[in-house]
Protein backbone atom coordinates (compact mmCIF):
# COMPACT_ATOMS: atom_id res chain seq x y z
CA MET A 1 -17.59 5.35 7.16
CA VAL A 2 -16.32 2.34 5.00
CA HIS A 3 -17.11 -1.12 6.03
CA LEU A 4 -15.33 -3.95 4.52
CA ASP A 5 -17.41 -7.29 4.28
CA ARG A 6 -14.61 -9.45 3.72
CA THR A 7 -12.60 -11.14 6.59
CA TYR A 8 -8.97 -10.83 6.51
CA SER A 9 -6.04 -13.10 8.02
CA ALA A 10 -3.75 -10.20 8.56
CA VAL A 11 -3.10 -6.67 8.08
CA LEU A 12 -0.17 -4.83 6.56
CA PHE A 13 0.69 -1.24 7.08
CA ASP A 14 2.82 1.20 5.28
CA MET A 15 4.41 3.64 7.93
CA ASP A 16 4.82 7.03 6.75
CA GLY A 17 1.77 8.76 5.45
CA THR A 18 0.04 5.79 6.73
CA LEU A 19 0.52 5.25 10.37
CA LEU A 20 2.18 8.26 11.02
CA ASP A 21 2.41 11.78 9.41
CA SER A 22 6.30 12.51 8.98
CA SER A 23 5.86 14.91 6.13
CA ALA A 24 7.06 18.05 7.90
CA VAL A 25 10.59 16.26 8.55
CA VAL A 26 10.73 14.64 4.82
CA GLU A 27 10.05 18.14 3.32
CA ARG A 28 12.79 19.80 5.50
CA VAL A 29 15.50 17.18 4.97
CA MET A 30 14.83 16.60 1.21
CA THR A 31 14.62 20.18 0.44
CA ASP A 32 18.00 20.66 2.17
CA TRP A 33 19.33 17.79 0.16
CA ALA A 34 18.06 19.18 -3.09
CA VAL A 35 19.13 22.51 -2.75
CA GLN A 36 22.68 21.76 -1.65
CA ASN A 37 23.01 19.44 -4.90
CA GLY A 38 21.48 21.59 -7.33
CA VAL A 39 18.19 19.64 -7.84
CA ASP A 40 14.66 21.15 -7.82
CA PRO A 41 12.96 20.45 -4.67
CA LYS A 42 9.59 20.05 -5.72
CA ALA A 43 10.40 17.61 -8.30
CA LEU A 44 12.34 15.55 -5.46
CA LEU A 45 9.37 15.89 -3.13
CA ALA A 46 6.89 14.79 -6.03
CA VAL A 47 8.63 11.13 -6.12
CA CYS A 48 10.15 10.44 -2.84
CA GLN A 49 7.21 9.79 -0.83
CA GLY A 50 6.85 5.91 -0.39
CA ARG A 51 9.90 5.01 -1.99
CA ARG A 52 13.48 3.92 -0.43
CA THR A 53 15.72 6.67 -0.11
CA ILE A 54 18.36 5.22 -2.29
CA ASP A 55 15.93 4.72 -5.09
CA THR A 56 15.11 8.55 -4.94
CA ILE A 57 18.79 9.50 -4.64
CA ARG A 58 19.71 7.30 -7.57
CA ASP A 59 16.85 9.14 -9.55
CA PHE A 60 18.63 12.54 -9.05
CA ALA A 61 22.14 11.45 -8.63
CA THR A 62 25.11 13.25 -10.58
CA ALA A 63 27.61 11.03 -12.44
CA ASP A 64 30.13 11.38 -9.73
CA MET A 65 27.56 10.86 -6.68
CA ASP A 66 28.05 8.22 -4.13
CA CYS A 67 24.46 7.13 -3.58
CA GLU A 68 24.85 4.78 -0.76
CA ALA A 69 26.69 7.62 1.17
CA GLU A 70 24.14 10.20 0.49
CA ALA A 71 21.21 7.92 1.26
CA ALA A 72 22.89 7.07 4.51
CA ARG A 73 23.24 10.77 5.28
CA LEU A 74 19.94 11.68 4.62
CA GLU A 75 18.48 8.71 6.66
CA ALA A 76 20.93 9.91 9.54
CA ALA A 77 19.41 13.56 8.95
CA GLU A 78 15.89 12.04 9.45
CA VAL A 79 16.44 9.97 12.44
CA SER A 80 17.88 12.91 14.32
CA ASP A 81 14.81 15.08 13.25
CA VAL A 82 11.39 14.06 14.96
CA ARG A 83 9.92 17.43 15.15
CA GLY A 84 6.16 17.62 13.96
CA ILE A 85 5.82 13.89 13.16
CA ILE A 86 2.26 12.84 14.51
CA ALA A 87 0.33 9.54 14.66
CA VAL A 88 -2.68 9.33 11.99
CA PRO A 89 -5.83 9.46 13.88
CA GLY A 90 -6.93 6.17 14.95
CA ALA A 91 -3.81 4.22 14.41
CA ALA A 92 -2.69 3.49 17.91
CA ASN A 93 -6.34 2.13 18.63
CA LEU A 94 -6.36 0.08 15.62
CA LEU A 95 -2.73 -1.62 16.55
CA ASP A 96 -3.64 -1.94 20.00
CA ARG A 97 -6.68 -4.38 19.02
CA LEU A 98 -4.98 -6.31 16.43
CA PRO A 99 -3.09 -9.75 17.72
CA PRO A 100 0.83 -9.25 17.54
CA ASP A 101 0.94 -11.99 14.99
CA ARG A 102 -1.79 -10.96 12.57
CA TRP A 103 -0.20 -7.66 11.53
CA ALA A 104 3.01 -6.04 10.00
CA ILE A 105 4.81 -3.15 9.01
CA VAL A 106 6.18 -2.99 5.39
CA THR A 107 8.20 0.40 4.93
CA SER A 108 10.56 2.13 2.59
CA ALA A 109 12.18 3.44 5.48
CA GLY A 110 15.25 1.99 7.18
CA ARG A 111 14.85 -0.02 10.44
CA ASP A 112 16.81 2.51 12.71
CA LEU A 113 14.57 5.65 11.10
CA ALA A 114 11.40 3.57 11.24
CA THR A 115 12.06 2.32 14.93
CA ARG A 116 12.82 6.09 15.68
CA ARG A 117 9.47 7.52 14.32
CA LEU A 118 7.56 4.97 15.68
CA THR A 119 8.65 5.42 18.91
CA ALA A 120 8.50 9.28 18.71
CA VAL A 121 4.65 8.96 18.27
CA GLY A 122 3.98 5.88 20.78
CA LEU A 123 3.03 3.41 18.31
CA PRO A 124 4.35 -0.12 18.83
CA ILE A 125 7.41 -1.94 17.10
CA PRO A 126 5.49 -4.97 15.31
CA GLU A 127 6.89 -8.45 15.35
CA VAL A 128 6.85 -8.69 11.51
CA PHE A 129 8.74 -5.42 10.56
CA VAL A 130 10.05 -5.28 6.89
CA THR A 131 12.44 -2.34 6.16
CA ALA A 132 14.71 -1.09 3.23
CA GLU A 133 17.37 -3.37 4.48
CA ASP A 134 15.13 -6.55 4.09
CA ILE A 135 14.51 -6.13 0.07
CA GLN A 136 16.28 -5.64 -3.14
CA GLN A 137 13.52 -4.00 -5.00
CA GLY A 138 11.84 -1.01 -3.20
CA LYS A 139 8.09 -0.29 -3.66
CA PRO A 140 6.17 -0.25 -6.32
CA ASP A 141 7.72 -3.64 -6.60
CA PRO A 142 5.71 -5.91 -4.16
CA SER A 143 8.56 -7.95 -2.58
CA GLY A 144 8.12 -6.23 0.71
CA TYR A 145 4.70 -7.13 0.96
CA LEU A 146 5.23 -10.60 -0.17
CA LEU A 147 8.00 -10.99 2.53
CA ALA A 148 5.62 -9.88 5.29
CA VAL A 149 2.68 -12.30 4.09
CA GLU A 150 5.67 -15.07 4.08
CA ARG A 151 6.59 -14.25 7.84
CA LEU A 152 3.10 -13.90 8.79
CA ASN A 153 2.48 -17.44 7.29
CA VAL A 154 -0.73 -16.29 5.50
CA ARG A 155 -1.99 -15.83 2.04
CA ALA A 156 -1.49 -12.69 0.29
CA GLU A 157 -5.17 -12.57 -0.98
CA ALA A 158 -6.42 -12.77 2.52
CA CYS A 159 -4.32 -9.82 3.78
CA LEU A 160 -5.64 -6.17 3.80
CA VAL A 161 -2.94 -3.42 3.14
CA PHE A 162 -2.96 0.20 4.21
CA GLU A 163 -0.96 2.66 2.12
CA ASP A 164 -0.96 6.25 1.02
CA ALA A 165 1.34 6.80 -1.85
CA PRO A 166 1.02 5.44 -5.48
CA ALA A 167 4.12 3.15 -5.24
CA GLY A 168 3.01 1.57 -1.97
CA ILE A 169 -0.59 1.15 -3.38
CA GLU A 170 0.93 -0.30 -6.71
CA ALA A 171 3.11 -2.67 -4.42
CA GLY A 172 0.14 -3.85 -2.59
CA LEU A 173 -2.01 -4.71 -5.64
CA ARG A 174 0.62 -6.18 -7.21
CA ALA A 175 1.19 -8.59 -4.05
CA GLY A 176 -2.49 -9.67 -4.38
CA CYS A 177 -3.77 -7.79 -1.41
CA ASP A 178 -6.71 -5.56 -0.97
CA VAL A 179 -5.60 -1.98 -0.33
CA ILE A 180 -6.93 0.78 1.14
CA ALA A 181 -5.51 4.33 0.61
CA ILE A 182 -5.06 6.53 3.92
CA ASP A 183 -5.03 10.18 2.51
CA PHE A 184 -4.56 12.11 5.93
CA ALA A 185 -0.89 13.02 5.15
CA ARG A 186 -1.46 13.11 1.52
CA PRO A 187 -5.17 14.34 0.23
CA GLU A 188 -3.80 15.34 -2.95
CA VAL A 189 -2.76 11.84 -4.09
CA ALA A 190 -5.18 10.17 -6.53
CA ALA A 191 -6.06 6.61 -5.28
CA HIS A 192 -8.96 5.91 -7.84
CA VAL A 193 -7.45 2.46 -8.19
CA CYS A 194 -8.65 1.67 -4.58
CA PRO A 195 -11.00 2.63 -1.77
CA ARG A 196 -9.87 5.78 0.29
CA VAL A 197 -10.43 6.92 3.73
CA SER A 198 -9.07 9.96 5.80
CA ASP A 199 -7.83 8.02 8.68
CA PHE A 200 -8.55 4.79 10.53
CA ARG A 201 -11.53 6.16 12.32
CA GLU A 202 -13.23 5.89 8.98
CA ILE A 203 -13.00 2.09 8.33
CA THR A 204 -14.05 -1.16 9.92
CA PHE A 205 -13.23 -4.62 8.81
CA ASN A 206 -13.21 -8.40 9.96
CA LEU A 207 -10.21 -10.36 11.06
CA SER A 208 -10.42 -14.08 11.40
């Protein structure tokens, strides 16, 4: 059990791998796309977590590929597939206890996909919901977290971020927030730059 002595003004959550585990879907959809396009599936899966789909596609695109169209096709496939998605233990209980104006989700997923996955596992849709459409630069750029901070009308230094992927951890730290790594879905990720716990049952903190 980890207890944080600081008192925070707000809590910011990544979604995939943090509030819910969608790795089964991601692996199915991304592997299919990789095979169809002559891309090494292992190389693709090693970097796609925690990033916007469009950013991943651009990294592996051929010269004549329409990256926007491919990203849209991939997101549509993910929206239609919720098989195997589960909530991270303790997530529902924690969100139920947080005041609606004191927490946000900052995800690299598009809004339709994020809404679909949260609904599939029975987690609430937040009032402050930063998705891929809201930002110009995806994680590890901190702009998504900074936008959530602005919308919540708090200081970044007074916010606690929960993340799972290296890109998201870096984004939270660059925004000036404290970051905790949730490794329920990604125990292989090295998060030595911040404390880590398996799930939300293993941490307590104070909210002002």
